[in-house]
Amino acid sequence: MKRFKMAPEIHYENGAVNHLYNIDFSHAFVVTDHIMEQLGLTDKVIKILDDKNVPFERFSEVEPNPSVKTITRALEIFLESDADILIAIGGGSVIDAAKAIIFFLQKVIK
């Protein structure tokens, strides 16, 4: 069974995305919403993943006040992937979704 570090680190300062260059991971799961995608705010993360030659899955279906259905779907996709890092890009709803995914991962991955 895959190992996944459960303790989240939240970086929100200017240039926070650059922390990804210093983290060792082999496959990423990016959680965001359609607005972040439309504004191009996920582009910097995707560029870093490309620079590091790291494959990734992208889940951009997070809605305001994410539903159980959304969290369940994201969790299913995460579990099907080989991701060993979850990267959340967005505001409160995206962060809430990421925290919910991590909570349920703790129940599934030991």
PDB file of N, CA and C in Angstrom:
ATOM      1  N   MET A   1       0.835  -1.176   0.000  1.00  0.00           N
ATOM      2  CA  MET A   1       0.000   0.000   0.000  1.00  0.00           C
ATOM      3  C   MET A   1       0.883   1.244   0.000  1.00  0.00           C
ATOM      4  N   LYS A   2       0.447   2.273  -0.721  1.00  0.00           N
ATOM      5  CA  LYS A   2       1.252   3.486  -0.825  1.00  0.00           C
ATOM      6  C   LYS A   2       1.319   4.231   0.494  1.00  0.00           C
ATOM      7  N   ARG A   3       2.377   4.984   0.642  1.00  0.00           N
ATOM      8  CA  ARG A   3       2.549   5.794   1.844  1.00  0.00           C
ATOM      9  C   ARG A   3       2.258   7.237   1.465  1.00  0.00           C
ATOM     10  N   PHE A   4       1.660   7.948   2.380  1.00  0.00           N
ATOM     11  CA  PHE A   4       1.287   9.330   2.127  1.00  0.00           C
ATOM     12  C   PHE A   4       1.471  10.103   3.418  1.00  0.00           C
ATOM     13  N   LYS A   5       2.233  11.166   3.369  1.00  0.00           N
ATOM     14  CA  LYS A   5       2.442  12.010   4.547  1.00  0.00           C
ATOM     15  C   LYS A   5       1.157  12.793   4.805  1.00  0.00           C
ATOM     16  N   MET A   6       0.602  12.625   5.975  1.00  0.00           N
ATOM     17  CA  MET A   6      -0.694  13.220   6.270  1.00  0.00           C
ATOM     18  C   MET A   6      -0.636  14.638   6.826  1.00  0.00           C
ATOM     19  N   ALA A   7       0.443  15.020   7.445  1.00  0.00           N
ATOM     20  CA  ALA A   7       0.517  16.358   8.051  1.00  0.00           C
ATOM     21  C   ALA A   7       0.600  17.423   6.962  1.00  0.00           C
ATOM     22  N   PRO A   8      -0.416  18.278   6.855  1.00  0.00           N
ATOM     23  CA  PRO A   8      -0.390  19.287   5.789  1.00  0.00           C
ATOM     24  C   PRO A   8       0.544  20.449   6.111  1.00  0.00           C
ATOM     25  N   GLU A   9       1.092  21.012   5.079  1.00  0.00           N
ATOM     26  CA  GLU A   9       1.853  22.253   5.169  1.00  0.00           C
ATOM     27  C   GLU A   9       1.123  23.252   4.297  1.00  0.00           C
ATOM     28  N   ILE A  10       0.830  24.409   4.840  1.00  0.00           N
ATOM     29  CA  ILE A  10       0.148  25.434   4.067  1.00  0.00           C
ATOM     30  C   ILE A  10       1.115  26.591   3.855  1.00  0.00           C
ATOM     31  N   HIS A  11       1.353  26.901   2.574  1.00  0.00           N
ATOM     32  CA  HIS A  11       2.216  28.019   2.197  1.00  0.00           C
ATOM     33  C   HIS A  11       1.338  29.021   1.449  1.00  0.00           C
ATOM     34  N   TYR A  12       1.306  30.235   1.916  1.00  0.00           N
ATOM     35  CA  TYR A  12       0.404  31.209   1.308  1.00  0.00           C
ATOM     36  C   TYR A  12       1.073  32.555   1.032  1.00  0.00           C
ATOM     37  N   GLU A  13       2.334  32.676   1.320  1.00  0.00           N
ATOM     38  CA  GLU A  13       3.016  33.947   1.079  1.00  0.00           C
ATOM     39  C   GLU A  13       3.311  34.129  -0.414  1.00  0.00           C
ATOM     40  N   ASN A  14       3.720  35.341  -0.765  1.00  0.00           N
ATOM     41  CA  ASN A  14       4.088  35.629  -2.139  1.00  0.00           C
ATOM     42  C   ASN A  14       5.187  34.661  -2.581  1.00  0.00           C
ATOM     43  N   GLY A  15       5.004  33.998  -3.685  1.00  0.00           N
ATOM     44  CA  GLY A  15       5.988  33.039  -4.181  1.00  0.00           C
ATOM     45  C   GLY A  15       5.906  31.677  -3.517  1.00  0.00           C
ATOM     46  N   ALA A  16       4.832  31.415  -2.780  1.00  0.00           N
ATOM     47  CA  ALA A  16       4.695  30.148  -2.043  1.00  0.00           C
ATOM     48  C   ALA A  16       4.810  28.933  -2.954  1.00  0.00           C
ATOM     49  N   VAL A  17       4.386  29.080  -4.182  1.00  0.00           N
ATOM     50  CA  VAL A  17       4.420  27.969  -5.124  1.00  0.00           C
ATOM     51  C   VAL A  17       5.841  27.426  -5.314  1.00  0.00           C
ATOM     52  N   ASN A  18       6.838  28.269  -5.114  1.00  0.00           N
ATOM     53  CA  ASN A  18       8.226  27.840  -5.303  1.00  0.00           C
ATOM     54  C   ASN A  18       8.694  26.815  -4.266  1.00  0.00           C
ATOM     55  N   HIS A  19       7.955  26.665  -3.174  1.00  0.00           N
ATOM     56  CA  HIS A  19       8.282  25.620  -2.189  1.00  0.00           C
ATOM     57  C   HIS A  19       8.243  24.233  -2.829  1.00  0.00           C
ATOM     58  N   LEU A  20       7.458  24.091  -3.886  1.00  0.00           N
ATOM     59  CA  LEU A  20       7.351  22.789  -4.554  1.00  0.00           C
ATOM     60  C   LEU A  20       8.683  22.313  -5.122  1.00  0.00           C
ATOM     61  N   TYR A  21       9.560  23.243  -5.468  1.00  0.00           N
ATOM     62  CA  TYR A  21      10.875  22.855  -5.981  1.00  0.00           C
ATOM     63  C   TYR A  21      11.704  22.130  -4.920  1.00  0.00           C
ATOM     64  N   ASN A  22      11.411  22.390  -3.642  1.00  0.00           N
ATOM     65  CA  ASN A  22      12.209  21.836  -2.550  1.00  0.00           C
ATOM     66  C   ASN A  22      11.586  20.613  -1.881  1.00  0.00           C
ATOM     67  N   ILE A  23      10.457  20.162  -2.378  1.00  0.00           N
ATOM     68  CA  ILE A  23       9.775  19.006  -1.796  1.00  0.00           C
ATOM     69  C   ILE A  23       9.999  17.800  -2.691  1.00  0.00           C
ATOM     70  N   ASP A  24      10.314  16.676  -2.070  1.00  0.00           N
ATOM     71  CA  ASP A  24      10.536  15.438  -2.819  1.00  0.00           C
ATOM     72  C   ASP A  24       9.221  14.674  -2.952  1.00  0.00           C
ATOM     73  N   PHE A  25       8.743  14.510  -4.171  1.00  0.00           N
ATOM     74  CA  PHE A  25       7.541  13.725  -4.446  1.00  0.00           C
ATOM     75  C   PHE A  25       7.631  13.198  -5.865  1.00  0.00           C
ATOM     76  N   SER A  26       6.858  12.142  -6.133  1.00  0.00           N
ATOM     77  CA  SER A  26       6.980  11.497  -7.441  1.00  0.00           C
ATOM     78  C   SER A  26       5.725  11.593  -8.300  1.00  0.00           C
ATOM     79  N   HIS A  27       4.592  11.920  -7.697  1.00  0.00           N
ATOM     80  CA  HIS A  27       3.336  12.032  -8.454  1.00  0.00           C
ATOM     81  C   HIS A  27       2.417  12.957  -7.660  1.00  0.00           C
ATOM     82  N   ALA A  28       1.838  13.942  -8.314  1.00  0.00           N
ATOM     83  CA  ALA A  28       1.037  14.952  -7.625  1.00  0.00           C
ATOM     84  C   ALA A  28      -0.450  14.816  -7.934  1.00  0.00           C
ATOM     85  N   PHE A  29      -1.250  15.235  -6.980  1.00  0.00           N
ATOM     86  CA  PHE A  29      -2.699  15.351  -7.148  1.00  0.00           C
ATOM     87  C   PHE A  29      -3.041  16.802  -6.857  1.00  0.00           C
ATOM     88  N   VAL A  30      -3.491  17.521  -7.878  1.00  0.00           N
ATOM     89  CA  VAL A  30      -3.776  18.946  -7.763  1.00  0.00           C
ATOM     90  C   VAL A  30      -5.286  19.130  -7.614  1.00  0.00           C
ATOM     91  N   VAL A  31      -5.686  19.802  -6.539  1.00  0.00           N
ATOM     92  CA  VAL A  31      -7.090  20.084  -6.270  1.00  0.00           C
ATOM     93  C   VAL A  31      -7.303  21.581  -6.425  1.00  0.00           C
ATOM     94  N   THR A  32      -8.314  21.953  -7.212  1.00  0.00           N
ATOM     95  CA  THR A  32      -8.586  23.369  -7.449  1.00  0.00           C
ATOM     96  C   THR A  32     -10.038  23.524  -7.875  1.00  0.00           C
ATOM     97  N   ASP A  33     -10.379  24.704  -8.364  1.00  0.00           N
ATOM     98  CA  ASP A  33     -11.726  24.929  -8.885  1.00  0.00           C
ATOM     99  C   ASP A  33     -11.623  25.548 -10.278  1.00  0.00           C
ATOM    100  N   HIS A  34     -12.772  25.669 -10.935  1.00  0.00           N
ATOM    101  CA  HIS A  34     -12.777  26.174 -12.305  1.00  0.00           C
ATOM    102  C   HIS A  34     -12.284  27.619 -12.394  1.00  0.00           C
ATOM    103  N   ILE A  35     -12.558  28.419 -11.383  1.00  0.00           N
ATOM    104  CA  ILE A  35     -12.142  29.823 -11.421  1.00  0.00           C
ATOM    105  C   ILE A  35     -10.625  29.940 -11.396  1.00  0.00           C
ATOM    106  N   MET A  36      -9.969  29.179 -10.536  1.00  0.00           N
ATOM    107  CA  MET A  36      -8.498  29.208 -10.484  1.00  0.00           C
ATOM    108  C   MET A  36      -7.915  28.787 -11.830  1.00  0.00           C
ATOM    109  N   GLU A  37      -8.549  27.805 -12.441  1.00  0.00           N
ATOM    110  CA  GLU A  37      -8.093  27.356 -13.766  1.00  0.00           C
ATOM    111  C   GLU A  37      -8.280  28.466 -14.797  1.00  0.00           C
ATOM    112  N   GLN A  38      -9.479  29.074 -14.815  1.00  0.00           N
ATOM    113  CA  GLN A  38      -9.772  30.126 -15.793  1.00  0.00           C
ATOM    114  C   GLN A  38      -8.849  31.326 -15.636  1.00  0.00           C
ATOM    115  N   LEU A  39      -8.490  31.636 -14.405  1.00  0.00           N
ATOM    116  CA  LEU A  39      -7.597  32.773 -14.149  1.00  0.00           C
ATOM    117  C   LEU A  39      -6.125  32.436 -14.418  1.00  0.00           C
ATOM    118  N   GLY A  40      -5.852  31.172 -14.699  1.00  0.00           N
ATOM    119  CA  GLY A  40      -4.480  30.754 -14.978  1.00  0.00           C
ATOM    120  C   GLY A  40      -3.624  30.599 -13.730  1.00  0.00           C
ATOM    121  N   LEU A  41      -4.256  30.548 -12.562  1.00  0.00           N
ATOM    122  CA  LEU A  41      -3.490  30.469 -11.316  1.00  0.00           C
ATOM    123  C   LEU A  41      -2.928  29.078 -11.052  1.00  0.00           C
ATOM    124  N   THR A  42      -3.384  28.090 -11.780  1.00  0.00           N
ATOM    125  CA  THR A  42      -2.799  26.752 -11.648  1.00  0.00           C
ATOM    126  C   THR A  42      -1.582  26.588 -12.557  1.00  0.00           C
ATOM    127  N   ASP A  43      -1.403  27.502 -13.493  1.00  0.00           N
ATOM    128  CA  ASP A  43      -0.324  27.369 -14.483  1.00  0.00           C
ATOM    129  C   ASP A  43       1.068  27.293 -13.859  1.00  0.00           C
ATOM    130  N   LYS A  44       1.321  28.089 -12.812  1.00  0.00           N
ATOM    131  CA  LYS A  44       2.644  28.076 -12.176  1.00  0.00           C
ATOM    132  C   LYS A  44       2.942  26.723 -11.546  1.00  0.00           C
ATOM    133  N   VAL A  45       1.927  26.134 -10.919  1.00  0.00           N
ATOM    134  CA  VAL A  45       2.122  24.812 -10.310  1.00  0.00           C
ATOM    135  C   VAL A  45       2.385  23.774 -11.392  1.00  0.00           C
ATOM    136  N   ILE A  46       1.605  23.814 -12.449  1.00  0.00           N
ATOM    137  CA  ILE A  46       1.773  22.849 -13.546  1.00  0.00           C
ATOM    138  C   ILE A  46       3.159  23.005 -14.172  1.00  0.00           C
ATOM    139  N   LYS A  47       3.637  24.252 -14.307  1.00  0.00           N
ATOM    140  CA  LYS A  47       4.985  24.469 -14.848  1.00  0.00           C
ATOM    141  C   LYS A  47       6.043  23.841 -13.942  1.00  0.00           C
ATOM    142  N   ILE A  48       5.891  24.000 -12.632  1.00  0.00           N
ATOM    143  CA  ILE A  48       6.858  23.398 -11.708  1.00  0.00           C
ATOM    144  C   ILE A  48       6.814  21.878 -11.816  1.00  0.00           C
ATOM    145  N   LEU A  49       5.619  21.318 -11.892  1.00  0.00           N
ATOM    146  CA  LEU A  49       5.510  19.862 -12.040  1.00  0.00           C
ATOM    147  C   LEU A  49       6.170  19.408 -13.340  1.00  0.00           C
ATOM    148  N   ASP A  50       5.962  20.169 -14.401  1.00  0.00           N
ATOM    149  CA  ASP A  50       6.620  19.854 -15.676  1.00  0.00           C
ATOM    150  C   ASP A  50       8.138  19.993 -15.553  1.00  0.00           C
ATOM    151  N   ASP A  51       8.603  21.065 -14.903  1.00  0.00           N
ATOM    152  CA  ASP A  51      10.046  21.273 -14.697  1.00  0.00           C
ATOM    153  C   ASP A  51      10.669  20.100 -13.948  1.00  0.00           C
ATOM    154  N   LYS A  52       9.927  19.588 -12.971  1.00  0.00           N
ATOM    155  CA  LYS A  52      10.424  18.476 -12.158  1.00  0.00           C
ATOM    156  C   LYS A  52      10.146  17.117 -12.813  1.00  0.00           C
ATOM    157  N   ASN A  53       9.486  17.156 -13.970  1.00  0.00           N
ATOM    158  CA  ASN A  53       9.130  15.934 -14.698  1.00  0.00           C
ATOM    159  C   ASN A  53       8.290  14.994 -13.825  1.00  0.00           C
ATOM    160  N   VAL A  54       7.313  15.588 -13.125  1.00  0.00           N
ATOM    161  CA  VAL A  54       6.449  14.846 -12.212  1.00  0.00           C
ATOM    162  C   VAL A  54       5.064  14.716 -12.843  1.00  0.00           C
ATOM    163  N   PRO A  55       4.575  13.490 -12.983  1.00  0.00           N
ATOM    164  CA  PRO A  55       3.205  13.315 -13.487  1.00  0.00           C
ATOM    165  C   PRO A  55       2.201  13.806 -12.442  1.00  0.00           C
ATOM    166  N   PHE A  56       1.004  14.153 -12.904  1.00  0.00           N
ATOM    167  CA  PHE A  56       0.003  14.666 -11.972  1.00  0.00           C
ATOM    168  C   PHE A  56      -1.406  14.367 -12.466  1.00  0.00           C
ATOM    169  N   GLU A  57      -2.327  14.352 -11.520  1.00  0.00           N
ATOM    170  CA  GLU A  57      -3.758  14.304 -11.797  1.00  0.00           C
ATOM    171  C   GLU A  57      -4.293  15.664 -11.360  1.00  0.00           C
ATOM    172  N   ARG A  58      -5.270  16.172 -12.092  1.00  0.00           N
ATOM    173  CA  ARG A  58      -5.857  17.469 -11.753  1.00  0.00           C
ATOM    174  C   ARG A  58      -7.349  17.277 -11.502  1.00  0.00           C
ATOM    175  N   PHE A  59      -7.811  17.749 -10.345  1.00  0.00           N
ATOM    176  CA  PHE A  59      -9.228  17.713 -10.009  1.00  0.00           C
ATOM    177  C   PHE A  59      -9.673  19.145  -9.812  1.00  0.00           C
ATOM    178  N   SER A  60     -10.462  19.666 -10.759  1.00  0.00           N
ATOM    179  CA  SER A  60     -10.855  21.082 -10.714  1.00  0.00           C
ATOM    180  C   SER A  60     -12.363  21.248 -10.561  1.00  0.00           C
ATOM    181  N   GLU A  61     -12.998  20.282  -9.936  1.00  0.00           N
ATOM    182  CA  GLU A  61     -14.463  20.292  -9.811  1.00  0.00           C
ATOM    183  C   GLU A  61     -14.950  20.803  -8.461  1.00  0.00           C
ATOM    184  N   VAL A  62     -14.075  21.411  -7.663  1.00  0.00           N
ATOM    185  CA  VAL A  62     -14.488  21.890  -6.345  1.00  0.00           C
ATOM    186  C   VAL A  62     -15.413  23.092  -6.514  1.00  0.00           C
ATOM    187  N   GLU A  63     -16.571  23.008  -5.880  1.00  0.00           N
ATOM    188  CA  GLU A  63     -17.547  24.079  -5.919  1.00  0.00           C
ATOM    189  C   GLU A  63     -17.569  24.787  -4.556  1.00  0.00           C
ATOM    190  N   PRO A  64     -18.201  25.968  -4.476  1.00  0.00           N
ATOM    191  CA  PRO A  64     -18.336  26.607  -3.165  1.00  0.00           C
ATOM    192  C   PRO A  64     -19.030  25.649  -2.195  1.00  0.00           C
ATOM    193  N   ASN A  65     -18.538  25.578  -0.974  1.00  0.00           N
ATOM    194  CA  ASN A  65     -19.057  24.640   0.020  1.00  0.00           C
ATOM    195  C   ASN A  65     -19.123  23.228  -0.565  1.00  0.00           C
ATOM    196  N   PRO A  66     -17.967  22.614  -0.799  1.00  0.00           N
ATOM    197  CA  PRO A  66     -17.896  21.338  -1.512  1.00  0.00           C
ATOM    198  C   PRO A  66     -18.825  20.274  -0.925  1.00  0.00           C
ATOM    199  N   SER A  67     -19.482  19.566  -1.812  1.00  0.00           N
ATOM    200  CA  SER A  67     -20.433  18.523  -1.416  1.00  0.00           C
ATOM    201  C   SER A  67     -19.698  17.221  -1.093  1.00  0.00           C
ATOM    202  N   VAL A  68     -20.398  16.344  -0.414  1.00  0.00           N
ATOM    203  CA  VAL A  68     -19.859  15.014  -0.125  1.00  0.00           C
ATOM    204  C   VAL A  68     -19.570  14.288  -1.436  1.00  0.00           C
ATOM    205  N   LYS A  69     -20.436  14.470  -2.421  1.00  0.00           N
ATOM    206  CA  LYS A  69     -20.233  13.842  -3.735  1.00  0.00           C
ATOM    207  C   LYS A  69     -18.905  14.296  -4.351  1.00  0.00           C
ATOM    208  N   THR A  70     -18.600  15.585  -4.264  1.00  0.00           N
ATOM    209  CA  THR A  70     -17.348  16.114  -4.811  1.00  0.00           C
ATOM    210  C   THR A  70     -16.147  15.532  -4.080  1.00  0.00           C
ATOM    211  N   ILE A  71     -16.212  15.506  -2.759  1.00  0.00           N
ATOM    212  CA  ILE A  71     -15.102  14.973  -1.961  1.00  0.00           C
ATOM    213  C   ILE A  71     -14.912  13.489  -2.267  1.00  0.00           C
ATOM    214  N   THR A  72     -16.000  12.760  -2.355  1.00  0.00           N
ATOM    215  CA  THR A  72     -15.927  11.328  -2.647  1.00  0.00           C
ATOM    216  C   THR A  72     -15.292  11.093  -4.011  1.00  0.00           C
ATOM    217  N   ARG A  73     -15.701  11.861  -4.995  1.00  0.00           N
ATOM    218  CA  ARG A  73     -15.140  11.709  -6.358  1.00  0.00           C
ATOM    219  C   ARG A  73     -13.643  12.037  -6.356  1.00  0.00           C
ATOM    220  N   ALA A  74     -13.254  13.112  -5.692  1.00  0.00           N
ATOM    221  CA  ALA A  74     -11.837  13.473  -5.626  1.00  0.00           C
ATOM    222  C   ALA A  74     -11.040  12.384  -4.915  1.00  0.00           C
ATOM    223  N   LEU A  75     -11.586  11.845  -3.848  1.00  0.00           N
ATOM    224  CA  LEU A  75     -10.916  10.778  -3.111  1.00  0.00           C
ATOM    225  C   LEU A  75     -10.740   9.542  -3.982  1.00  0.00           C
ATOM    226  N   GLU A  76     -11.764   9.190  -4.744  1.00  0.00           N
ATOM    227  CA  GLU A  76     -11.664   8.037  -5.651  1.00  0.00           C
ATOM    228  C   GLU A  76     -10.552   8.238  -6.675  1.00  0.00           C
ATOM    229  N   ILE A  77     -10.492   9.424  -7.256  1.00  0.00           N
ATOM    230  CA  ILE A  77      -9.462   9.707  -8.263  1.00  0.00           C
ATOM    231  C   ILE A  77      -8.079   9.674  -7.620  1.00  0.00           C
ATOM    232  N   PHE A  78      -7.962  10.263  -6.425  1.00  0.00           N
ATOM    233  CA  PHE A  78      -6.681  10.229  -5.729  1.00  0.00           C
ATOM    234  C   PHE A  78      -6.236   8.787  -5.500  1.00  0.00           C
ATOM    235  N   LEU A  79      -7.123   7.961  -5.008  1.00  0.00           N
ATOM    236  CA  LEU A  79      -6.766   6.573  -4.693  1.00  0.00           C
ATOM    237  C   LEU A  79      -6.399   5.766  -5.937  1.00  0.00           C
ATOM    238  N   GLU A  80      -6.957   6.131  -7.077  1.00  0.00           N
ATOM    239  CA  GLU A  80      -6.624   5.458  -8.337  1.00  0.00           C
ATOM    240  C   GLU A  80      -5.272   5.922  -8.879  1.00  0.00           C
ATOM    241  N   SER A  81      -4.830   7.076  -8.433  1.00  0.00           N
ATOM    242  CA  SER A  81      -3.557   7.625  -8.911  1.00  0.00           C
ATOM    243  C   SER A  81      -2.416   7.069  -8.070  1.00  0.00           C
ATOM    244  N   ASP A  82      -1.213   7.424  -8.458  1.00  0.00           N
ATOM    245  CA  ASP A  82      -0.031   7.072  -7.668  1.00  0.00           C
ATOM    246  C   ASP A  82       0.468   8.284  -6.899  1.00  0.00           C
ATOM    247  N   ALA A  83      -0.401   9.249  -6.650  1.00  0.00           N
ATOM    248  CA  ALA A  83       0.009  10.507  -6.026  1.00  0.00           C
ATOM    249  C   ALA A  83       0.547  10.295  -4.619  1.00  0.00           C
ATOM    250  N   ASP A  84       1.597  11.028  -4.332  1.00  0.00           N
ATOM    251  CA  ASP A  84       2.152  11.030  -2.983  1.00  0.00           C
ATOM    252  C   ASP A  84       2.190  12.448  -2.407  1.00  0.00           C
ATOM    253  N   ILE A  85       1.523  13.389  -3.089  1.00  0.00           N
ATOM    254  CA  ILE A  85       1.355  14.740  -2.584  1.00  0.00           C
ATOM    255  C   ILE A  85       0.025  15.277  -3.095  1.00  0.00           C
ATOM    256  N   LEU A  86      -0.651  16.028  -2.250  1.00  0.00           N
ATOM    257  CA  LEU A  86      -1.878  16.710  -2.634  1.00  0.00           C
ATOM    258  C   LEU A  86      -1.578  18.201  -2.601  1.00  0.00           C
ATOM    259  N   ILE A  87      -1.806  18.875  -3.721  1.00  0.00           N
ATOM    260  CA  ILE A  87      -1.545  20.308  -3.828  1.00  0.00           C
ATOM    261  C   ILE A  87      -2.883  21.008  -4.047  1.00  0.00           C
ATOM    262  N   ALA A  88      -3.268  21.880  -3.118  1.00  0.00           N
ATOM    263  CA  ALA A  88      -4.519  22.626  -3.226  1.00  0.00           C
ATOM    264  C   ALA A  88      -4.220  24.040  -3.701  1.00  0.00           C
ATOM    265  N   ILE A  89      -4.947  24.468  -4.725  1.00  0.00           N
ATOM    266  CA  ILE A  89      -4.763  25.809  -5.277  1.00  0.00           C
ATOM    267  C   ILE A  89      -6.116  26.496  -5.247  1.00  0.00           C
ATOM    268  N   GLY A  90      -6.270  27.457  -4.353  1.00  0.00           N
ATOM    269  CA  GLY A  90      -7.535  28.168  -4.290  1.00  0.00           C
ATOM    270  C   GLY A  90      -7.806  28.729  -2.924  1.00  0.00           C
ATOM    271  N   GLY A  91      -9.046  29.111  -2.734  1.00  0.00           N
ATOM    272  CA  GLY A  91      -9.468  29.724  -1.493  1.00  0.00           C
ATOM    273  C   GLY A  91     -10.071  28.722  -0.525  1.00  0.00           C
ATOM    274  N   GLY A  92     -10.987  29.210   0.286  1.00  0.00           N
ATOM    275  CA  GLY A  92     -11.545  28.423   1.377  1.00  0.00           C
ATOM    276  C   GLY A  92     -12.168  27.113   0.967  1.00  0.00           C
ATOM    277  N   SER A  93     -12.952  27.096  -0.088  1.00  0.00           N
ATOM    278  CA  SER A  93     -13.609  25.854  -0.496  1.00  0.00           C
ATOM    279  C   SER A  93     -12.604  24.811  -0.969  1.00  0.00           C
ATOM    280  N   VAL A  94     -11.601  25.243  -1.693  1.00  0.00           N
ATOM    281  CA  VAL A  94     -10.568  24.310  -2.155  1.00  0.00           C
ATOM    282  C   VAL A  94      -9.771  23.776  -0.968  1.00  0.00           C
ATOM    283  N   ILE A  95      -9.431  24.656  -0.043  1.00  0.00           N
ATOM    284  CA  ILE A  95      -8.694  24.226   1.153  1.00  0.00           C
ATOM    285  C   ILE A  95      -9.561  23.273   1.972  1.00  0.00           C
ATOM    286  N   ASP A  96     -10.849  23.582   2.123  1.00  0.00           N
ATOM    287  CA  ASP A  96     -11.763  22.682   2.838  1.00  0.00           C
ATOM    288  C   ASP A  96     -11.834  21.319   2.155  1.00  0.00           C
ATOM    289  N   ALA A  97     -11.921  21.325   0.835  1.00  0.00           N
ATOM    290  CA  ALA A  97     -11.966  20.060   0.095  1.00  0.00           C
ATOM    291  C   ALA A  97     -10.693  19.263   0.315  1.00  0.00           C
ATOM    292  N   ALA A  98      -9.550  19.938   0.252  1.00  0.00           N
ATOM    293  CA  ALA A  98      -8.270  19.247   0.454  1.00  0.00           C
ATOM    294  C   ALA A  98      -8.195  18.649   1.854  1.00  0.00           C
ATOM    295  N   LYS A  99      -8.648  19.406   2.858  1.00  0.00           N
ATOM    296  CA  LYS A  99      -8.635  18.887   4.226  1.00  0.00           C
ATOM    297  C   LYS A  99      -9.556  17.683   4.364  1.00  0.00           C
ATOM    298  N   ALA A 100     -10.705  17.720   3.711  1.00  0.00           N
ATOM    299  CA  ALA A 100     -11.628  16.576   3.761  1.00  0.00           C
ATOM    300  C   ALA A 100     -11.015  15.354   3.083  1.00  0.00           C
ATOM    301  N   ILE A 101     -10.366  15.552   1.954  1.00  0.00           N
ATOM    302  CA  ILE A 101      -9.700  14.442   1.266  1.00  0.00           C
ATOM    303  C   ILE A 101      -8.643  13.831   2.172  1.00  0.00           C
ATOM    304  N   ILE A 102      -7.833  14.684   2.801  1.00  0.00           N
ATOM    305  CA  ILE A 102      -6.792  14.181   3.706  1.00  0.00           C
ATOM    306  C   ILE A 102      -7.424  13.436   4.882  1.00  0.00           C
ATOM    307  N   PHE A 103      -8.515  13.969   5.420  1.00  0.00           N
ATOM    308  CA  PHE A 103      -9.193  13.296   6.544  1.00  0.00           C
ATOM    309  C   PHE A 103      -9.595  11.882   6.153  1.00  0.00           C
ATOM    310  N   PHE A 104     -10.241  11.743   4.974  1.00  0.00           N
ATOM    311  CA  PHE A 104     -10.687  10.417   4.558  1.00  0.00           C
ATOM    312  C   PHE A 104      -9.539   9.514   4.137  1.00  0.00           C
ATOM    313  N   LEU A 105      -8.466  10.094   3.624  1.00  0.00           N
ATOM    314  CA  LEU A 105      -7.272   9.296   3.301  1.00  0.00           C
ATOM    315  C   LEU A 105      -6.718   8.648   4.560  1.00  0.00           C
ATOM    316  N   GLN A 106      -6.776   9.349   5.678  1.00  0.00           N
ATOM    317  CA  GLN A 106      -6.285   8.790   6.943  1.00  0.00           C
ATOM    318  C   GLN A 106      -7.079   7.550   7.329  1.00  0.00           C
ATOM    319  N   LYS A 107      -8.336   7.485   6.899  1.00  0.00           N
ATOM    320  CA  LYS A 107      -9.176   6.331   7.216  1.00  0.00           C
ATOM    321  C   LYS A 107      -8.898   5.158   6.275  1.00  0.00           C
ATOM    322  N   VAL A 108      -8.409   5.480   5.069  1.00  0.00           N
ATOM    323  CA  VAL A 108      -8.206   4.455   4.034  1.00  0.00           C
ATOM    324  C   VAL A 108      -6.771   3.954   4.008  1.00  0.00           C
ATOM    325  N   ILE A 109      -5.810   4.883   4.084  1.00  0.00           N
ATOM    326  CA  ILE A 109      -4.383   4.530   3.972  1.00  0.00           C
ATOM    327  C   ILE A 109      -3.805   4.472   5.368  1.00  0.00           C
ATOM    328  N   LYS A 110      -3.228   3.373   5.693  1.00  0.00           N
ATOM    329  CA  LYS A 110      -2.622   3.215   7.024  1.00  0.00           C
ATOM    330  C   LYS A 110      -1.124   3.196   6.888  1.00  0.00           C
TER     331      LYS A 110
END
